Amino acid sequence: MTAAHARHPDHTHQHSEGCGHVAVPHEDHVDYAHDGHFHRVHDGHVDECEPSGHTVHGDHAHQHGDGCGHVAVPHGDHVDYVHDGHRHAGHDGHWDDH
């Protein structure tokens, strides 16, 4: 799942380890949760890093929610949960990988 290259304009904050935002491993980089969406540092600027398609996470019996033990990250109109190095989002009775 590769995100489209969409710059986040006028972004002066420098994301890095310890910057205060939740860091989430994503494919070959790290995303940072910021203001309800995810940022990726790329070639000296910051991109939005959003899923480009619908990828169902199969065989996921765990139900994410308050107190489930995984980091909850507000994302748009829902909450993603950081699990096994990626984000899960509830969708139509199943979990999607983000």
N, C-alpha and C. Protein backbone atom coordinates (compact mmCIF):
# COMPACT_ATOMS: atom_id res chain seq x y z
N MET A 1 0.85 -1.16 0.00
CA MET A 1 0.00 0.00 0.00
C MET A 1 0.90 1.23 0.00
N THR A 2 1.00 1.93 -1.04
CA THR A 2 1.85 3.10 -1.14
C THR A 2 0.98 4.35 -1.17
N ALA A 3 1.34 5.30 -0.36
CA ALA A 3 0.57 6.53 -0.29
C ALA A 3 0.91 7.43 -1.46
N ALA A 4 -0.06 8.22 -1.88
CA ALA A 4 0.18 9.20 -2.92
C ALA A 4 1.12 10.26 -2.37
N HIS A 5 1.83 10.94 -3.25
CA HIS A 5 2.76 11.98 -2.85
C HIS A 5 1.99 13.29 -2.75
N ALA A 6 1.51 13.59 -1.54
CA ALA A 6 0.74 14.81 -1.33
C ALA A 6 1.42 15.62 -0.24
N ARG A 7 2.04 16.72 -0.63
CA ARG A 7 2.74 17.55 0.34
C ARG A 7 1.77 18.17 1.34
N HIS A 8 2.26 18.30 2.57
CA HIS A 8 1.54 19.04 3.60
C HIS A 8 2.14 20.44 3.61
N PRO A 9 1.40 21.42 3.09
CA PRO A 9 1.97 22.77 2.93
C PRO A 9 2.19 23.48 4.27
N ASP A 10 3.18 24.36 4.28
CA ASP A 10 3.45 25.24 5.43
C ASP A 10 3.61 24.47 6.73
N HIS A 11 4.35 23.36 6.68
CA HIS A 11 4.56 22.54 7.87
C HIS A 11 5.94 22.84 8.43
N THR A 12 5.98 23.58 9.55
CA THR A 12 7.26 23.99 10.10
C THR A 12 7.76 23.06 11.19
N HIS A 13 6.88 22.26 11.80
CA HIS A 13 7.29 21.33 12.86
C HIS A 13 8.19 20.24 12.28
N GLN A 14 9.25 19.91 12.98
CA GLN A 14 10.16 18.86 12.54
C GLN A 14 9.81 17.55 13.24
N HIS A 15 9.23 16.61 12.52
CA HIS A 15 8.92 15.30 13.09
C HIS A 15 10.19 14.47 13.20
N SER A 16 10.34 13.82 14.36
CA SER A 16 11.46 12.93 14.59
C SER A 16 11.21 12.22 15.92
N GLU A 17 12.07 11.30 16.27
CA GLU A 17 11.94 10.58 17.53
C GLU A 17 11.89 11.59 18.68
N GLY A 18 10.88 11.48 19.51
CA GLY A 18 10.75 12.37 20.65
C GLY A 18 10.11 13.71 20.36
N CYS A 19 9.52 13.89 19.18
CA CYS A 19 8.95 15.20 18.82
C CYS A 19 7.60 15.45 19.50
N GLY A 20 7.04 14.42 20.14
CA GLY A 20 5.76 14.60 20.82
C GLY A 20 4.56 14.03 20.09
N HIS A 21 4.74 13.52 18.88
CA HIS A 21 3.66 12.90 18.13
C HIS A 21 3.85 11.39 18.10
N VAL A 22 2.75 10.65 18.03
CA VAL A 22 2.83 9.20 17.97
C VAL A 22 3.51 8.79 16.68
N ALA A 23 4.56 7.98 16.80
CA ALA A 23 5.30 7.47 15.64
C ALA A 23 4.79 6.07 15.31
N VAL A 24 4.48 5.83 14.03
CA VAL A 24 3.94 4.55 13.60
C VAL A 24 4.77 4.02 12.43
N PRO A 25 5.41 2.86 12.60
CA PRO A 25 6.13 2.28 11.46
C PRO A 25 5.15 2.03 10.31
N HIS A 26 5.56 2.36 9.08
CA HIS A 26 4.70 2.18 7.92
C HIS A 26 5.57 1.84 6.71
N GLU A 27 5.50 0.61 6.26
CA GLU A 27 6.31 0.14 5.14
C GLU A 27 7.78 0.49 5.37
N ASP A 28 8.38 1.36 4.55
CA ASP A 28 9.81 1.66 4.65
C ASP A 28 10.11 2.98 5.35
N HIS A 29 9.13 3.51 6.10
CA HIS A 29 9.32 4.80 6.75
C HIS A 29 8.52 4.83 8.06
N VAL A 30 8.50 5.98 8.71
CA VAL A 30 7.73 6.19 9.93
C VAL A 30 6.74 7.31 9.68
N ASP A 31 5.47 7.08 10.05
CA ASP A 31 4.46 8.13 10.01
C ASP A 31 4.36 8.76 11.39
N TYR A 32 3.94 10.02 11.43
CA TYR A 32 3.71 10.71 12.69
C TYR A 32 2.27 11.21 12.70
N ALA A 33 1.52 10.83 13.75
CA ALA A 33 0.13 11.27 13.89
C ALA A 33 0.14 12.74 14.30
N HIS A 34 -0.58 13.56 13.53
CA HIS A 34 -0.57 15.00 13.76
C HIS A 34 -1.89 15.60 13.30
N ASP A 35 -2.64 16.16 14.23
CA ASP A 35 -3.89 16.85 13.91
C ASP A 35 -4.88 15.98 13.14
N GLY A 36 -5.01 14.71 13.52
CA GLY A 36 -6.01 13.83 12.92
C GLY A 36 -5.63 13.20 11.60
N HIS A 37 -4.37 13.35 11.19
CA HIS A 37 -3.90 12.67 9.99
C HIS A 37 -2.45 12.26 10.20
N PHE A 38 -1.83 11.67 9.21
CA PHE A 38 -0.49 11.15 9.36
C PHE A 38 0.48 11.84 8.41
N HIS A 39 1.65 12.18 8.95
CA HIS A 39 2.69 12.85 8.19
C HIS A 39 3.87 11.92 8.00
N ARG A 40 4.55 12.11 6.89
CA ARG A 40 5.76 11.37 6.56
C ARG A 40 6.82 12.38 6.12
N VAL A 41 8.00 12.29 6.70
CA VAL A 41 9.10 13.15 6.28
C VAL A 41 9.66 12.55 5.00
N HIS A 42 9.78 13.38 3.96
CA HIS A 42 10.17 12.89 2.64
C HIS A 42 10.95 13.96 1.89
N ASP A 43 12.19 13.68 1.54
CA ASP A 43 13.03 14.57 0.72
C ASP A 43 13.01 16.02 1.20
N GLY A 44 13.13 16.23 2.50
CA GLY A 44 13.23 17.58 3.04
C GLY A 44 11.92 18.31 3.25
N HIS A 45 10.80 17.63 3.06
CA HIS A 45 9.51 18.24 3.32
C HIS A 45 8.61 17.18 3.98
N VAL A 46 7.39 17.55 4.28
CA VAL A 46 6.45 16.64 4.93
C VAL A 46 5.31 16.34 3.98
N ASP A 47 5.01 15.04 3.83
CA ASP A 47 3.88 14.59 3.01
C ASP A 47 2.76 14.09 3.91
N GLU A 48 1.54 14.16 3.41
CA GLU A 48 0.44 13.44 4.02
C GLU A 48 0.66 11.98 3.67
N CYS A 49 0.42 11.08 4.60
CA CYS A 49 0.61 9.66 4.32
C CYS A 49 -0.68 8.94 4.65
N GLU A 50 -1.48 8.75 3.65
CA GLU A 50 -2.80 8.14 3.81
C GLU A 50 -2.90 6.90 2.95
N PRO A 51 -3.71 5.94 3.38
CA PRO A 51 -3.87 4.72 2.58
C PRO A 51 -4.44 5.05 1.21
N SER A 52 -3.97 4.31 0.21
CA SER A 52 -4.43 4.57 -1.15
C SER A 52 -5.48 3.55 -1.59
N GLY A 53 -5.83 2.64 -0.74
CA GLY A 53 -6.83 1.64 -1.11
C GLY A 53 -7.40 0.97 0.11
N HIS A 54 -8.26 0.01 -0.14
CA HIS A 54 -8.94 -0.72 0.93
C HIS A 54 -8.26 -2.07 1.07
N THR A 55 -7.54 -2.26 2.19
CA THR A 55 -6.84 -3.51 2.43
C THR A 55 -7.36 -4.15 3.70
N VAL A 56 -8.11 -5.22 3.57
CA VAL A 56 -8.69 -5.90 4.72
C VAL A 56 -7.60 -6.66 5.46
N HIS A 57 -7.59 -6.52 6.78
CA HIS A 57 -6.68 -7.31 7.62
C HIS A 57 -7.42 -8.60 7.98
N GLY A 58 -7.08 -9.68 7.34
CA GLY A 58 -7.77 -10.95 7.54
C GLY A 58 -7.44 -11.60 8.87
N ASP A 59 -8.36 -12.44 9.32
CA ASP A 59 -8.16 -13.23 10.54
C ASP A 59 -7.75 -12.39 11.74
N HIS A 60 -8.43 -11.29 11.95
CA HIS A 60 -8.11 -10.43 13.08
C HIS A 60 -9.23 -10.54 14.10
N ALA A 61 -9.05 -11.41 15.08
CA ALA A 61 -10.10 -11.67 16.07
C ALA A 61 -10.13 -10.62 17.17
N HIS A 62 -9.01 -9.95 17.42
CA HIS A 62 -8.95 -8.94 18.48
C HIS A 62 -9.87 -7.77 18.15
N GLN A 63 -10.61 -7.31 19.14
CA GLN A 63 -11.47 -6.15 18.95
C GLN A 63 -10.83 -4.93 19.60
N HIS A 64 -10.45 -3.96 18.79
CA HIS A 64 -9.86 -2.74 19.30
C HIS A 64 -10.94 -1.86 19.91
N GLY A 65 -10.54 -1.11 20.91
CA GLY A 65 -11.43 -0.16 21.57
C GLY A 65 -10.77 0.38 22.81
N ASP A 66 -11.48 1.21 23.57
CA ASP A 66 -10.93 1.77 24.80
C ASP A 66 -10.38 0.67 25.69
N GLY A 67 -9.13 0.82 26.10
CA GLY A 67 -8.52 -0.12 27.02
C GLY A 67 -8.04 -1.41 26.40
N CYS A 68 -7.97 -1.51 25.07
CA CYS A 68 -7.57 -2.77 24.42
C CYS A 68 -6.07 -3.02 24.50
N GLY A 69 -5.30 -2.01 24.91
CA GLY A 69 -3.86 -2.19 25.04
C GLY A 69 -3.05 -1.68 23.87
N HIS A 70 -3.69 -1.18 22.81
CA HIS A 70 -2.98 -0.65 21.66
C HIS A 70 -3.13 0.87 21.62
N VAL A 71 -2.14 1.54 21.07
CA VAL A 71 -2.18 3.00 20.96
C VAL A 71 -3.32 3.40 20.04
N ALA A 72 -4.20 4.27 20.53
CA ALA A 72 -5.32 4.78 19.74
C ALA A 72 -4.92 6.13 19.17
N VAL A 73 -5.12 6.29 17.84
CA VAL A 73 -4.74 7.53 17.16
C VAL A 73 -5.94 8.06 16.39
N PRO A 74 -6.49 9.23 16.81
CA PRO A 74 -7.59 9.82 16.03
C PRO A 74 -7.13 10.06 14.60
N HIS A 75 -8.00 9.69 13.65
CA HIS A 75 -7.66 9.80 12.23
C HIS A 75 -8.91 10.15 11.46
N GLY A 76 -9.04 11.39 11.05
CA GLY A 76 -10.23 11.82 10.32
C GLY A 76 -11.47 11.61 11.18
N ASP A 77 -12.42 10.81 10.67
CA ASP A 77 -13.68 10.59 11.37
C ASP A 77 -13.71 9.28 12.17
N HIS A 78 -12.54 8.67 12.41
CA HIS A 78 -12.49 7.41 13.15
C HIS A 78 -11.19 7.35 13.97
N VAL A 79 -10.95 6.22 14.60
CA VAL A 79 -9.74 6.02 15.38
C VAL A 79 -8.99 4.83 14.80
N ASP A 80 -7.70 5.01 14.55
CA ASP A 80 -6.83 3.90 14.16
C ASP A 80 -6.16 3.37 15.41
N TYR A 81 -5.80 2.09 15.37
CA TYR A 81 -5.09 1.46 16.48
C TYR A 81 -3.77 0.91 15.95
N VAL A 82 -2.67 1.26 16.61
CA VAL A 82 -1.35 0.79 16.22
C VAL A 82 -1.20 -0.64 16.74
N HIS A 83 -0.97 -1.58 15.81
CA HIS A 83 -0.93 -3.00 16.15
C HIS A 83 0.05 -3.71 15.24
N ASP A 84 1.03 -4.36 15.82
CA ASP A 84 2.02 -5.14 15.06
C ASP A 84 2.71 -4.31 13.97
N GLY A 85 3.02 -3.05 14.28
CA GLY A 85 3.78 -2.22 13.35
C GLY A 85 2.98 -1.58 12.24
N HIS A 86 1.66 -1.60 12.34
CA HIS A 86 0.85 -0.88 11.36
C HIS A 86 -0.43 -0.42 12.03
N ARG A 87 -1.27 0.28 11.28
CA ARG A 87 -2.51 0.83 11.83
C ARG A 87 -3.69 -0.02 11.41
N HIS A 88 -4.61 -0.24 12.34
CA HIS A 88 -5.87 -0.91 12.04
C HIS A 88 -7.00 0.10 12.17
N ALA A 89 -7.94 0.03 11.27
CA ALA A 89 -9.12 0.89 11.32
C ALA A 89 -10.36 0.03 11.13
N GLY A 90 -11.36 0.21 12.00
CA GLY A 90 -12.62 -0.52 11.86
C GLY A 90 -13.36 -0.07 10.61
N HIS A 91 -13.90 -1.07 9.86
CA HIS A 91 -14.60 -0.74 8.63
C HIS A 91 -15.59 -1.85 8.29
N ASP A 92 -16.88 -1.54 8.30
CA ASP A 92 -17.94 -2.48 7.89
C ASP A 92 -17.79 -3.87 8.52
N GLY A 93 -17.52 -3.91 9.84
CA GLY A 93 -17.48 -5.18 10.55
C GLY A 93 -16.17 -5.93 10.46
N HIS A 94 -15.12 -5.31 9.89
CA HIS A 94 -13.80 -5.94 9.84
C HIS A 94 -12.75 -4.86 10.09
N TRP A 95 -11.49 -5.25 10.10
CA TRP A 95 -10.39 -4.29 10.32
C TRP A 95 -9.61 -4.13 9.02
N ASP A 96 -9.29 -2.90 8.69
CA ASP A 96 -8.46 -2.60 7.52
C ASP A 96 -7.04 -2.27 8.01
N ASP A 97 -6.05 -2.60 7.18
CA ASP A 97 -4.69 -2.15 7.41
C ASP A 97 -4.55 -0.78 6.78
N HIS A 98 -3.96 0.12 7.54
CA HIS A 98 -3.68 1.47 7.03
C HIS A 98 -2.20 1.64 6.96
